[in-house]
Structures are given as C-alpha cells and as structure tokens.
Amino acid sequence: MGLENKLGLDGIELMRAEEQISKRRAKQLYGGLLDQIEVGTYAGLQSIHRYLFEDIYPFAGQTRKLNMSKGGFRFASALYLDEALEKITAMPMSTFEQIVAKYVEMNIAHPFLEGNGRSARIWLDAMLKSALGRVVDWQRIEREDYLLAMERSPVRDTEIKQLLENALTDRIEDYELFMHSIDASYGYEGYTAFRTGKL
C-alpha cells in the first residue's frame, strides 16, 4: 500500500493525479500567492508544501514523524528534525553560497513524507529572487546532473552550486519561464505526464 491520500488512489493513478493537481496549484502560486509566503524559513516551506499537496495528502505541510532513507542515504532522524529545522531557518541567506548551503541542509532534513524536492525548489527560487533578484531556469539543468549533484551535496556542494549558478536568470517575473521550470523540476522525480502551462 502506498502513501495515505485523500483520493483513495495508489501506484500510477496516484502519481498522475498528484502531478496534475499539484502542478495546477503551483501555477496558482505564481499568481501572487508566492510573494506572501515567508522567505527562507521552514514555516515558508511548510506553506508551499501545504498549498501544493493539501488536496492530495492529509500530511501536507506537516513535519514527518517517521525516519526516511533514499538510495542508501538516511535523511535527518525524525527525533531531531524540529531542532534541525530551527537551525536551517536561522541560517543566513544574503549570498548565493549561503542560499545554496541552506537549500542543501533542507534537502538533508527532508521534512515531509512526500514532495520535498518539488517544494524545496520553489522555496529556493523564492530565496534567490528575494536576495539576489535571480531565479533558476530549471530547464537548463539536466535531470541526471541534478540528481547526482544533490546526492553528493551532503559531502561536497561544489557540483550543485555550479549547476545552479550556471542556470541563474534575472527573468524573475517571466510567467512562461516559471511554467517550464515547474515542468523541469517535476521531471527530476519522474512526473512528466502533464504540462503546467496547459492545466
């Protein structure tokens, strides 16, 4: 049995419904809602996650109580998660290096049962936009390059910094770019059935 969800679905049906519903919600975020969310805090990330997934999962926006691992890597222990999230919220975010360090730490924390990457990439863009007047053009980062760089980032974050820096753009109000970036971001996790711009 898969994750508990409000749709009563499992497997591929759940994946398709989740993609369609949460991409539609991501599109709505761009209509001004994102600018009202706290930038760079865990509370802000919770707001993003809740908005994307509240129609799908009962745990949307809630800190996980279970331990998680992926590909042999154990994310932060649920026992110490609240403390870790407080520390991440307190991390500075004035420079590109500081923002990426904060993003990497949040990935290690992995606070939600599902939807961490998709929420955190929107959270990252909000920090970059606020501090530097830039966002990531996610279409310019290949899936395999991103996944490998993120896998290595807890030990060494040079690769992910380089990938992100090379994909920065000042087109922060570009609606088309945002739609394409959501599609690219979702594609990293294999969600490719729907185009955000057409939902």
N, C-alpha and C. Protein backbone atom coordinates (compact mmCIF):
# COMPACT_ATOMS: atom_id res chain seq x y z
N MET A 1 0.85 -1.20 0.00
CA MET A 1 0.00 0.00 0.00
C MET A 1 0.88 1.25 0.00
N GLY A 2 0.49 2.24 -0.82
CA GLY A 2 1.27 3.46 -0.93
C GLY A 2 0.94 4.45 0.19
N LEU A 3 1.27 5.70 -0.06
CA LEU A 3 1.03 6.74 0.94
C LEU A 3 -0.46 6.99 1.14
N GLU A 4 -0.84 7.23 2.39
CA GLU A 4 -2.22 7.59 2.70
C GLU A 4 -2.56 8.87 1.94
N ASN A 5 -3.67 8.85 1.22
CA ASN A 5 -4.05 10.05 0.47
C ASN A 5 -5.56 10.25 0.47
N LYS A 6 -5.96 11.46 0.15
CA LYS A 6 -7.38 11.83 0.19
C LYS A 6 -8.13 11.35 -1.05
N LEU A 7 -7.40 10.86 -2.03
CA LEU A 7 -8.01 10.47 -3.30
C LEU A 7 -8.35 8.99 -3.37
N GLY A 8 -7.84 8.22 -2.40
CA GLY A 8 -8.08 6.78 -2.39
C GLY A 8 -7.40 6.07 -3.55
N LEU A 9 -6.29 6.63 -4.01
CA LEU A 9 -5.57 6.07 -5.16
C LEU A 9 -4.24 5.46 -4.75
N ASP A 10 -3.64 4.69 -5.65
CA ASP A 10 -2.35 4.07 -5.40
C ASP A 10 -1.59 3.98 -6.72
N GLY A 11 -0.29 3.75 -6.62
CA GLY A 11 0.53 3.49 -7.80
C GLY A 11 0.48 4.60 -8.83
N ILE A 12 0.38 4.21 -10.10
CA ILE A 12 0.43 5.15 -11.21
C ILE A 12 -0.74 6.13 -11.20
N GLU A 13 -1.91 5.66 -10.72
CA GLU A 13 -3.08 6.55 -10.67
C GLU A 13 -2.84 7.70 -9.69
N LEU A 14 -2.25 7.37 -8.54
CA LEU A 14 -1.93 8.40 -7.55
C LEU A 14 -0.88 9.37 -8.11
N MET A 15 0.13 8.82 -8.76
CA MET A 15 1.20 9.64 -9.31
C MET A 15 0.65 10.65 -10.34
N ARG A 16 -0.22 10.19 -11.21
CA ARG A 16 -0.80 11.07 -12.24
C ARG A 16 -1.69 12.14 -11.62
N ALA A 17 -2.53 11.74 -10.67
CA ALA A 17 -3.42 12.70 -10.01
C ALA A 17 -2.62 13.72 -9.21
N GLU A 18 -1.59 13.24 -8.52
CA GLU A 18 -0.74 14.13 -7.74
C GLU A 18 -0.07 15.16 -8.63
N GLU A 19 0.45 14.70 -9.77
CA GLU A 19 1.12 15.63 -10.68
C GLU A 19 0.14 16.68 -11.20
N GLN A 20 -1.00 16.24 -11.66
CA GLN A 20 -1.97 17.16 -12.24
C GLN A 20 -2.45 18.20 -11.23
N ILE A 21 -2.85 17.72 -10.05
CA ILE A 21 -3.40 18.63 -9.03
C ILE A 21 -2.33 19.58 -8.49
N SER A 22 -1.15 19.05 -8.17
CA SER A 22 -0.13 19.91 -7.55
C SER A 22 0.51 20.87 -8.56
N LYS A 23 0.57 20.48 -9.83
CA LYS A 23 1.08 21.43 -10.85
C LYS A 23 0.09 22.58 -11.04
N ARG A 24 -1.19 22.25 -10.99
CA ARG A 24 -2.21 23.31 -11.10
C ARG A 24 -2.07 24.27 -9.92
N ARG A 25 -1.80 23.72 -8.74
CA ARG A 25 -1.61 24.56 -7.54
C ARG A 25 -0.33 25.39 -7.65
N ALA A 26 0.73 24.79 -8.21
CA ALA A 26 1.99 25.53 -8.40
C ALA A 26 1.76 26.74 -9.32
N LYS A 27 0.96 26.52 -10.34
CA LYS A 27 0.62 27.60 -11.28
C LYS A 27 -0.10 28.73 -10.56
N GLN A 28 -1.01 28.38 -9.64
CA GLN A 28 -1.74 29.38 -8.87
C GLN A 28 -0.81 30.15 -7.93
N LEU A 29 0.20 29.46 -7.41
CA LEU A 29 1.18 30.12 -6.53
C LEU A 29 1.83 31.31 -7.22
N TYR A 30 2.07 31.16 -8.53
CA TYR A 30 2.74 32.22 -9.27
C TYR A 30 1.89 33.47 -9.39
N GLY A 31 0.58 33.33 -9.23
CA GLY A 31 -0.31 34.48 -9.37
C GLY A 31 -0.28 35.45 -8.20
N GLY A 32 0.81 35.50 -7.45
CA GLY A 32 0.95 36.47 -6.36
C GLY A 32 1.00 35.84 -4.98
N LEU A 33 0.50 34.59 -4.86
CA LEU A 33 0.49 33.93 -3.55
C LEU A 33 1.89 33.70 -3.01
N LEU A 34 2.82 33.37 -3.91
CA LEU A 34 4.19 33.07 -3.50
C LEU A 34 4.84 34.27 -2.82
N ASP A 35 4.47 35.48 -3.25
CA ASP A 35 5.06 36.70 -2.67
C ASP A 35 4.58 36.95 -1.24
N GLN A 36 3.54 36.26 -0.82
CA GLN A 36 3.02 36.44 0.55
C GLN A 36 3.59 35.41 1.52
N ILE A 37 4.39 34.48 1.00
CA ILE A 37 4.94 33.40 1.84
C ILE A 37 6.29 33.83 2.41
N GLU A 38 6.49 33.50 3.68
CA GLU A 38 7.75 33.81 4.38
C GLU A 38 8.94 33.20 3.63
N VAL A 39 9.94 34.00 3.34
CA VAL A 39 11.08 33.55 2.54
C VAL A 39 12.17 32.94 3.41
N GLY A 40 12.62 31.74 3.04
CA GLY A 40 13.80 31.14 3.66
C GLY A 40 13.60 30.50 5.02
N THR A 41 12.36 30.40 5.48
CA THR A 41 12.11 29.76 6.77
C THR A 41 11.44 28.41 6.54
N TYR A 42 11.47 27.57 7.57
CA TYR A 42 10.77 26.30 7.45
C TYR A 42 9.26 26.55 7.37
N ALA A 43 8.77 27.57 8.09
CA ALA A 43 7.34 27.91 8.03
C ALA A 43 6.94 28.26 6.59
N GLY A 44 7.83 28.95 5.89
CA GLY A 44 7.57 29.29 4.49
C GLY A 44 7.51 28.05 3.61
N LEU A 45 8.44 27.12 3.84
CA LEU A 45 8.45 25.86 3.09
C LEU A 45 7.19 25.05 3.39
N GLN A 46 6.77 25.04 4.65
CA GLN A 46 5.53 24.35 5.03
C GLN A 46 4.34 24.93 4.27
N SER A 47 4.30 26.25 4.14
CA SER A 47 3.20 26.91 3.42
C SER A 47 3.17 26.47 1.95
N ILE A 48 4.35 26.40 1.34
CA ILE A 48 4.44 25.97 -0.06
C ILE A 48 3.97 24.53 -0.20
N HIS A 49 4.49 23.66 0.67
CA HIS A 49 4.14 22.23 0.62
C HIS A 49 2.64 22.04 0.85
N ARG A 50 2.11 22.73 1.84
CA ARG A 50 0.67 22.62 2.15
C ARG A 50 -0.15 23.06 0.94
N TYR A 51 0.23 24.17 0.33
CA TYR A 51 -0.54 24.68 -0.81
C TYR A 51 -0.51 23.70 -1.98
N LEU A 52 0.64 23.13 -2.26
CA LEU A 52 0.76 22.20 -3.40
C LEU A 52 -0.01 20.90 -3.17
N PHE A 53 0.03 20.38 -1.95
CA PHE A 53 -0.42 19.00 -1.72
C PHE A 53 -1.63 18.82 -0.81
N GLU A 54 -2.24 19.91 -0.33
CA GLU A 54 -3.32 19.75 0.65
C GLU A 54 -4.56 19.03 0.10
N ASP A 55 -4.77 19.05 -1.20
CA ASP A 55 -5.92 18.34 -1.78
C ASP A 55 -5.63 16.86 -1.98
N ILE A 56 -4.37 16.47 -1.75
CA ILE A 56 -3.94 15.10 -2.03
C ILE A 56 -3.60 14.33 -0.76
N TYR A 57 -2.77 14.95 0.11
CA TYR A 57 -2.26 14.24 1.28
C TYR A 57 -2.72 14.88 2.59
N PRO A 58 -3.15 14.08 3.57
CA PRO A 58 -3.54 14.63 4.87
C PRO A 58 -2.35 15.21 5.64
N PHE A 59 -1.13 14.81 5.26
CA PHE A 59 0.07 15.29 5.96
C PHE A 59 0.70 16.52 5.29
N ALA A 60 0.01 17.14 4.34
CA ALA A 60 0.57 18.31 3.64
C ALA A 60 0.98 19.39 4.63
N GLY A 61 2.22 19.83 4.53
CA GLY A 61 2.73 20.89 5.40
C GLY A 61 3.12 20.43 6.79
N GLN A 62 3.00 19.12 7.07
CA GLN A 62 3.31 18.61 8.41
C GLN A 62 4.67 17.91 8.44
N THR A 63 5.43 18.18 9.49
CA THR A 63 6.74 17.55 9.67
C THR A 63 6.57 16.06 9.89
N ARG A 64 7.35 15.28 9.16
CA ARG A 64 7.22 13.81 9.28
C ARG A 64 7.63 13.33 10.67
N LYS A 65 7.01 12.23 11.08
CA LYS A 65 7.33 11.61 12.37
C LYS A 65 8.06 10.29 12.17
N LEU A 66 8.27 9.91 10.91
CA LEU A 66 8.95 8.65 10.58
C LEU A 66 10.34 8.93 10.03
N ASN A 67 11.26 7.98 10.21
CA ASN A 67 12.58 8.10 9.60
C ASN A 67 12.48 7.71 8.13
N MET A 68 13.32 8.34 7.30
CA MET A 68 13.28 8.09 5.86
C MET A 68 14.68 7.92 5.30
N SER A 69 14.78 7.10 4.24
CA SER A 69 16.05 6.99 3.51
C SER A 69 15.73 6.82 2.04
N LYS A 70 16.73 7.13 1.20
CA LYS A 70 16.56 7.02 -0.24
C LYS A 70 17.91 6.63 -0.84
N GLY A 71 17.92 5.54 -1.58
CA GLY A 71 19.16 5.11 -2.23
C GLY A 71 20.30 4.90 -1.25
N GLY A 72 19.99 4.41 -0.05
CA GLY A 72 21.04 4.16 0.94
C GLY A 72 21.39 5.35 1.80
N PHE A 73 20.83 6.54 1.48
CA PHE A 73 21.12 7.74 2.28
C PHE A 73 19.99 7.97 3.27
N ARG A 74 20.35 8.08 4.55
CA ARG A 74 19.35 8.34 5.58
C ARG A 74 19.21 9.85 5.80
N PHE A 75 17.99 10.33 5.66
CA PHE A 75 17.72 11.74 5.92
C PHE A 75 17.72 11.97 7.43
N ALA A 76 17.65 13.23 7.83
CA ALA A 76 17.71 13.58 9.26
C ALA A 76 16.71 12.74 10.07
N SER A 77 17.15 12.29 11.22
CA SER A 77 16.30 11.48 12.11
C SER A 77 15.08 12.30 12.54
N ALA A 78 13.92 11.67 12.52
CA ALA A 78 12.68 12.34 12.93
C ALA A 78 12.78 12.87 14.36
N LEU A 79 13.57 12.19 15.17
CA LEU A 79 13.75 12.56 16.57
C LEU A 79 14.36 13.96 16.72
N TYR A 80 15.26 14.32 15.80
CA TYR A 80 15.98 15.60 15.89
C TYR A 80 15.56 16.59 14.81
N LEU A 81 14.48 16.27 14.12
CA LEU A 81 14.09 17.07 12.96
C LEU A 81 13.69 18.50 13.33
N ASP A 82 12.91 18.68 14.38
CA ASP A 82 12.48 20.03 14.77
C ASP A 82 13.67 20.93 15.06
N GLU A 83 14.64 20.37 15.77
CA GLU A 83 15.87 21.13 16.10
C GLU A 83 16.64 21.48 14.82
N ALA A 84 16.76 20.52 13.91
CA ALA A 84 17.47 20.76 12.64
C ALA A 84 16.77 21.85 11.83
N LEU A 85 15.46 21.83 11.80
CA LEU A 85 14.69 22.80 11.02
C LEU A 85 14.80 24.20 11.59
N GLU A 86 14.89 24.32 12.91
CA GLU A 86 15.13 25.62 13.55
C GLU A 86 16.48 26.18 13.13
N LYS A 87 17.49 25.31 13.12
CA LYS A 87 18.84 25.73 12.73
C LYS A 87 18.88 26.17 11.27
N ILE A 88 18.18 25.43 10.40
CA ILE A 88 18.15 25.78 8.98
C ILE A 88 17.46 27.12 8.78
N THR A 89 16.35 27.34 9.48
CA THR A 89 15.63 28.63 9.39
C THR A 89 16.56 29.78 9.78
N ALA A 90 17.41 29.55 10.78
CA ALA A 90 18.31 30.60 11.29
C ALA A 90 19.53 30.84 10.40
N MET A 91 19.80 29.93 9.46
CA MET A 91 20.96 30.10 8.57
C MET A 91 20.81 31.37 7.73
N PRO A 92 21.92 32.09 7.49
CA PRO A 92 21.83 33.31 6.68
C PRO A 92 21.49 33.02 5.22
N MET A 93 20.99 34.03 4.51
CA MET A 93 20.64 33.85 3.10
C MET A 93 20.83 35.15 2.31
N SER A 94 22.00 35.75 2.49
CA SER A 94 22.30 37.01 1.80
C SER A 94 23.05 36.79 0.49
N THR A 95 23.85 35.72 0.44
CA THR A 95 24.67 35.47 -0.75
C THR A 95 24.22 34.16 -1.41
N PHE A 96 24.65 33.99 -2.64
CA PHE A 96 24.33 32.77 -3.38
C PHE A 96 24.83 31.53 -2.62
N GLU A 97 26.05 31.59 -2.11
CA GLU A 97 26.64 30.45 -1.38
C GLU A 97 25.82 30.11 -0.14
N GLN A 98 25.41 31.14 0.60
CA GLN A 98 24.60 30.91 1.81
C GLN A 98 23.25 30.28 1.47
N ILE A 99 22.64 30.75 0.40
CA ILE A 99 21.32 30.24 -0.01
C ILE A 99 21.43 28.78 -0.42
N VAL A 100 22.46 28.43 -1.19
CA VAL A 100 22.62 27.03 -1.62
C VAL A 100 22.92 26.14 -0.41
N ALA A 101 23.73 26.63 0.53
CA ALA A 101 24.03 25.85 1.74
C ALA A 101 22.74 25.56 2.51
N LYS A 102 21.88 26.55 2.60
CA LYS A 102 20.58 26.41 3.29
C LYS A 102 19.71 25.38 2.57
N TYR A 103 19.70 25.45 1.25
CA TYR A 103 18.92 24.53 0.42
C TYR A 103 19.41 23.09 0.58
N VAL A 104 20.73 22.92 0.59
CA VAL A 104 21.32 21.58 0.77
C VAL A 104 20.95 21.01 2.14
N GLU A 105 21.03 21.84 3.17
CA GLU A 105 20.67 21.39 4.52
C GLU A 105 19.20 20.99 4.61
N MET A 106 18.34 21.74 3.91
CA MET A 106 16.91 21.41 3.93
C MET A 106 16.68 20.08 3.21
N ASN A 107 17.45 19.81 2.18
CA ASN A 107 17.32 18.52 1.48
C ASN A 107 17.73 17.37 2.40
N ILE A 108 18.76 17.57 3.19
CA ILE A 108 19.21 16.55 4.14
C ILE A 108 18.13 16.33 5.22
N ALA A 109 17.48 17.43 5.62
CA ALA A 109 16.41 17.33 6.62
C ALA A 109 15.20 16.56 6.05
N HIS A 110 14.84 16.86 4.81
CA HIS A 110 13.74 16.15 4.13
C HIS A 110 12.52 16.05 5.06
N PRO A 111 11.91 17.20 5.38
CA PRO A 111 10.93 17.21 6.46
C PRO A 111 9.57 16.57 6.19
N PHE A 112 9.25 16.30 4.91
CA PHE A 112 7.91 15.78 4.59
C PHE A 112 7.98 14.33 4.09
N LEU A 113 6.88 13.62 4.19
CA LEU A 113 6.83 12.23 3.73
C LEU A 113 6.92 12.13 2.21
N GLU A 114 6.49 13.17 1.50
CA GLU A 114 6.48 13.17 0.04
C GLU A 114 6.52 14.62 -0.42
N GLY A 115 7.06 14.88 -1.61
CA GLY A 115 7.01 16.23 -2.18
C GLY A 115 8.08 17.19 -1.70
N ASN A 116 9.15 16.66 -1.09
CA ASN A 116 10.21 17.52 -0.56
C ASN A 116 10.92 18.31 -1.67
N GLY A 117 11.39 17.60 -2.68
CA GLY A 117 12.17 18.25 -3.73
C GLY A 117 11.40 19.32 -4.47
N ARG A 118 10.17 18.99 -4.85
CA ARG A 118 9.36 19.94 -5.61
C ARG A 118 9.06 21.21 -4.81
N SER A 119 8.76 21.04 -3.53
CA SER A 119 8.50 22.20 -2.66
C SER A 119 9.78 23.00 -2.42
N ALA A 120 10.87 22.30 -2.17
CA ALA A 120 12.13 22.98 -1.81
C ALA A 120 12.72 23.76 -2.99
N ARG A 121 12.47 23.31 -4.22
CA ARG A 121 12.99 24.07 -5.37
C ARG A 121 12.24 25.39 -5.53
N ILE A 122 10.95 25.41 -5.23
CA ILE A 122 10.19 26.67 -5.25
C ILE A 122 10.68 27.57 -4.11
N TRP A 123 10.93 26.96 -2.95
CA TRP A 123 11.46 27.68 -1.77
C TRP A 123 12.83 28.29 -2.08
N LEU A 124 13.67 27.53 -2.76
CA LEU A 124 15.00 28.02 -3.17
C LEU A 124 14.87 29.23 -4.09
N ASP A 125 14.00 29.11 -5.09
CA ASP A 125 13.80 30.22 -6.03
C ASP A 125 13.31 31.48 -5.32
N ALA A 126 12.44 31.31 -4.33
CA ALA A 126 11.93 32.47 -3.57
C ALA A 126 13.07 33.17 -2.84
N MET A 127 14.02 32.39 -2.29
CA MET A 127 15.18 32.98 -1.60
C MET A 127 16.08 33.72 -2.59
N LEU A 128 16.36 33.09 -3.72
CA LEU A 128 17.22 33.70 -4.74
C LEU A 128 16.60 34.99 -5.28
N LYS A 129 15.30 34.95 -5.49
CA LYS A 129 14.58 36.13 -6.01
C LYS A 129 14.65 37.27 -5.00
N SER A 130 14.39 36.95 -3.73
CA SER A 130 14.37 37.96 -2.68
C SER A 130 15.75 38.59 -2.44
N ALA A 131 16.79 37.75 -2.36
CA ALA A 131 18.12 38.24 -2.00
C ALA A 131 18.92 38.76 -3.19
N LEU A 132 18.75 38.13 -4.36
CA LEU A 132 19.64 38.42 -5.49
C LEU A 132 18.94 38.90 -6.76
N GLY A 133 17.60 38.88 -6.76
CA GLY A 133 16.89 39.25 -7.98
C GLY A 133 17.11 38.26 -9.11
N ARG A 134 17.27 36.98 -8.73
CA ARG A 134 17.51 35.90 -9.71
C ARG A 134 16.62 34.71 -9.36
N VAL A 135 16.40 33.85 -10.34
CA VAL A 135 15.78 32.55 -10.10
C VAL A 135 16.53 31.53 -10.96
N VAL A 136 16.27 30.26 -10.72
CA VAL A 136 16.91 29.20 -11.51
C VAL A 136 16.01 28.89 -12.71
N ASP A 137 16.61 28.83 -13.88
CA ASP A 137 15.91 28.31 -15.05
C ASP A 137 16.14 26.80 -15.04
N TRP A 138 15.22 26.08 -14.44
CA TRP A 138 15.41 24.64 -14.20
C TRP A 138 15.51 23.84 -15.49
N GLN A 139 15.02 24.38 -16.60
CA GLN A 139 15.13 23.69 -17.88
C GLN A 139 16.59 23.51 -18.29
N ARG A 140 17.46 24.35 -17.75
CA ARG A 140 18.87 24.32 -18.15
C ARG A 140 19.70 23.32 -17.33
N ILE A 141 19.04 22.61 -16.42
CA ILE A 141 19.76 21.62 -15.61
C ILE A 141 19.21 20.23 -15.92
N GLU A 142 20.06 19.37 -16.45
CA GLU A 142 19.66 18.01 -16.80
C GLU A 142 19.32 17.20 -15.54
N ARG A 143 18.34 16.34 -15.67
CA ARG A 143 17.87 15.52 -14.55
C ARG A 143 19.00 14.73 -13.88
N GLU A 144 19.79 14.01 -14.68
CA GLU A 144 20.86 13.16 -14.13
C GLU A 144 21.91 14.01 -13.42
N ASP A 145 22.25 15.16 -14.01
CA ASP A 145 23.25 16.05 -13.40
C ASP A 145 22.75 16.56 -12.05
N TYR A 146 21.48 16.95 -12.02
CA TYR A 146 20.90 17.47 -10.78
C TYR A 146 20.87 16.40 -9.70
N LEU A 147 20.37 15.20 -10.05
CA LEU A 147 20.23 14.13 -9.05
C LEU A 147 21.58 13.70 -8.49
N LEU A 148 22.58 13.60 -9.36
CA LEU A 148 23.93 13.23 -8.90
C LEU A 148 24.51 14.30 -7.99
N ALA A 149 24.34 15.56 -8.39
CA ALA A 149 24.88 16.67 -7.60
C ALA A 149 24.22 16.74 -6.23
N MET A 150 22.92 16.51 -6.19
CA MET A 150 22.20 16.54 -4.91
C MET A 150 22.60 15.35 -4.03
N GLU A 151 22.82 14.22 -4.66
CA GLU A 151 23.25 13.03 -3.92
C GLU A 151 24.60 13.27 -3.24
N ARG A 152 25.47 13.99 -3.93
CA ARG A 152 26.82 14.26 -3.38
C ARG A 152 26.86 15.49 -2.48
N SER A 153 25.82 16.32 -2.53
CA SER A 153 25.86 17.62 -1.85
C SER A 153 26.05 17.56 -0.33
N PRO A 154 25.58 16.50 0.38
CA PRO A 154 25.84 16.48 1.83
C PRO A 154 27.34 16.41 2.17
N VAL A 155 28.12 15.85 1.25
CA VAL A 155 29.57 15.75 1.47
C VAL A 155 30.29 16.92 0.84
N ARG A 156 29.86 17.26 -0.38
CA ARG A 156 30.51 18.35 -1.12
C ARG A 156 29.47 19.03 -2.02
N ASP A 157 29.25 20.33 -1.80
CA ASP A 157 28.18 21.00 -2.54
C ASP A 157 28.67 21.78 -3.77
N THR A 158 29.92 21.56 -4.18
CA THR A 158 30.50 22.29 -5.32
C THR A 158 29.70 22.07 -6.60
N GLU A 159 29.33 20.81 -6.87
CA GLU A 159 28.62 20.50 -8.12
C GLU A 159 27.26 21.17 -8.19
N ILE A 160 26.48 21.08 -7.11
CA ILE A 160 25.14 21.67 -7.15
C ILE A 160 25.24 23.19 -7.24
N LYS A 161 26.24 23.78 -6.58
CA LYS A 161 26.45 25.23 -6.68
C LYS A 161 26.71 25.63 -8.13
N GLN A 162 27.58 24.88 -8.78
CA GLN A 162 27.94 25.19 -10.16
C GLN A 162 26.74 25.05 -11.10
N LEU A 163 25.99 23.96 -10.94
CA LEU A 163 24.80 23.74 -11.78
C LEU A 163 23.79 24.88 -11.61
N LEU A 164 23.53 25.24 -10.37
CA LEU A 164 22.55 26.28 -10.09
C LEU A 164 23.03 27.64 -10.59
N GLU A 165 24.30 27.94 -10.34
CA GLU A 165 24.85 29.23 -10.75
C GLU A 165 24.78 29.41 -12.26
N ASN A 166 25.10 28.34 -12.98
CA ASN A 166 25.08 28.41 -14.45
C ASN A 166 23.67 28.54 -15.02
N ALA A 167 22.66 28.23 -14.20
CA ALA A 167 21.27 28.28 -14.68
C ALA A 167 20.51 29.50 -14.15
N LEU A 168 21.19 30.41 -13.45
CA LEU A 168 20.52 31.59 -12.90
C LEU A 168 20.10 32.54 -14.01
N THR A 169 18.95 33.17 -13.81
CA THR A 169 18.46 34.17 -14.75
C THR A 169 17.81 35.31 -13.97
N ASP A 170 17.78 36.50 -14.59
CA ASP A 170 17.11 37.63 -13.94
C ASP A 170 15.66 37.77 -14.42
N ARG A 171 15.15 36.77 -15.14
CA ARG A 171 13.77 36.80 -15.65
C ARG A 171 12.79 36.37 -14.53
N ILE A 172 12.80 37.12 -13.44
CA ILE A 172 12.07 36.70 -12.23
C ILE A 172 10.56 36.86 -12.33
N GLU A 173 10.09 37.62 -13.30
CA GLU A 173 8.63 37.80 -13.46
C GLU A 173 8.12 37.13 -14.73
N ASP A 174 8.92 36.24 -15.30
CA ASP A 174 8.57 35.60 -16.57
C ASP A 174 7.66 34.38 -16.33
N TYR A 175 6.39 34.54 -16.68
CA TYR A 175 5.38 33.50 -16.46
C TYR A 175 5.72 32.21 -17.19
N GLU A 176 6.14 32.33 -18.45
CA GLU A 176 6.49 31.14 -19.25
C GLU A 176 7.66 30.38 -18.63
N LEU A 177 8.66 31.13 -18.19
CA LEU A 177 9.83 30.51 -17.55
C LEU A 177 9.41 29.72 -16.31
N PHE A 178 8.52 30.31 -15.51
CA PHE A 178 8.05 29.64 -14.30
C PHE A 178 7.35 28.33 -14.64
N MET A 179 6.47 28.36 -15.66
CA MET A 179 5.74 27.15 -16.05
C MET A 179 6.71 26.06 -16.52
N HIS A 180 7.68 26.45 -17.36
CA HIS A 180 8.66 25.48 -17.86
C HIS A 180 9.54 24.95 -16.72
N SER A 181 9.87 25.82 -15.77
CA SER A 181 10.70 25.41 -14.63
C SER A 181 9.97 24.42 -13.73
N ILE A 182 8.67 24.62 -13.55
CA ILE A 182 7.88 23.66 -12.76
C ILE A 182 7.91 22.30 -13.45
N ASP A 183 7.72 22.29 -14.77
CA ASP A 183 7.76 21.02 -15.52
C ASP A 183 9.12 20.33 -15.38
N ALA A 184 10.20 21.12 -15.49
CA ALA A 184 11.55 20.54 -15.37
C ALA A 184 11.78 20.01 -13.96
N SER A 185 11.38 20.78 -12.96
CA SER A 185 11.54 20.39 -11.56
C SER A 185 10.79 19.09 -11.26
N TYR A 186 9.56 18.99 -11.73
CA TYR A 186 8.77 17.78 -11.53
C TYR A 186 9.39 16.60 -12.28
N GLY A 187 9.99 16.89 -13.42
CA GLY A 187 10.62 15.86 -14.24
C GLY A 187 11.77 15.16 -13.52
N TYR A 188 12.44 15.84 -12.60
CA TYR A 188 13.53 15.21 -11.84
C TYR A 188 13.02 14.01 -11.06
N GLU A 189 11.76 14.06 -10.67
CA GLU A 189 11.16 12.96 -9.89
C GLU A 189 10.26 12.07 -10.75
N GLY A 190 10.34 12.24 -12.06
CA GLY A 190 9.60 11.36 -12.96
C GLY A 190 8.16 11.76 -13.24
N TYR A 191 7.78 12.98 -12.85
CA TYR A 191 6.42 13.46 -13.12
C TYR A 191 6.42 14.24 -14.44
N THR A 192 6.04 13.57 -15.53
CA THR A 192 6.16 14.19 -16.85
C THR A 192 4.89 14.04 -17.70
N ALA A 193 3.78 13.65 -17.11
CA ALA A 193 2.56 13.38 -17.89
C ALA A 193 1.81 14.65 -18.31
N PHE A 194 1.95 15.73 -17.54
CA PHE A 194 1.18 16.95 -17.81
C PHE A 194 2.10 18.16 -17.94
N ARG A 195 1.70 19.11 -18.79
CA ARG A 195 2.43 20.37 -18.93
C ARG A 195 1.71 21.42 -18.08
N THR A 196 2.45 22.08 -17.21
CA THR A 196 1.86 23.04 -16.28
C THR A 196 1.09 24.12 -17.01
N GLY A 197 1.64 24.64 -18.09
CA GLY A 197 1.00 25.71 -18.83
C GLY A 197 -0.34 25.35 -19.42
N LYS A 198 -0.60 24.05 -19.57
CA LYS A 198 -1.86 23.61 -20.19
C LYS A 198 -2.92 23.20 -19.17
N LEU A 199 -2.57 23.25 -17.88
CA LEU A 199 -3.53 22.82 -16.84
C LEU A 199 -4.44 23.97 -16.43
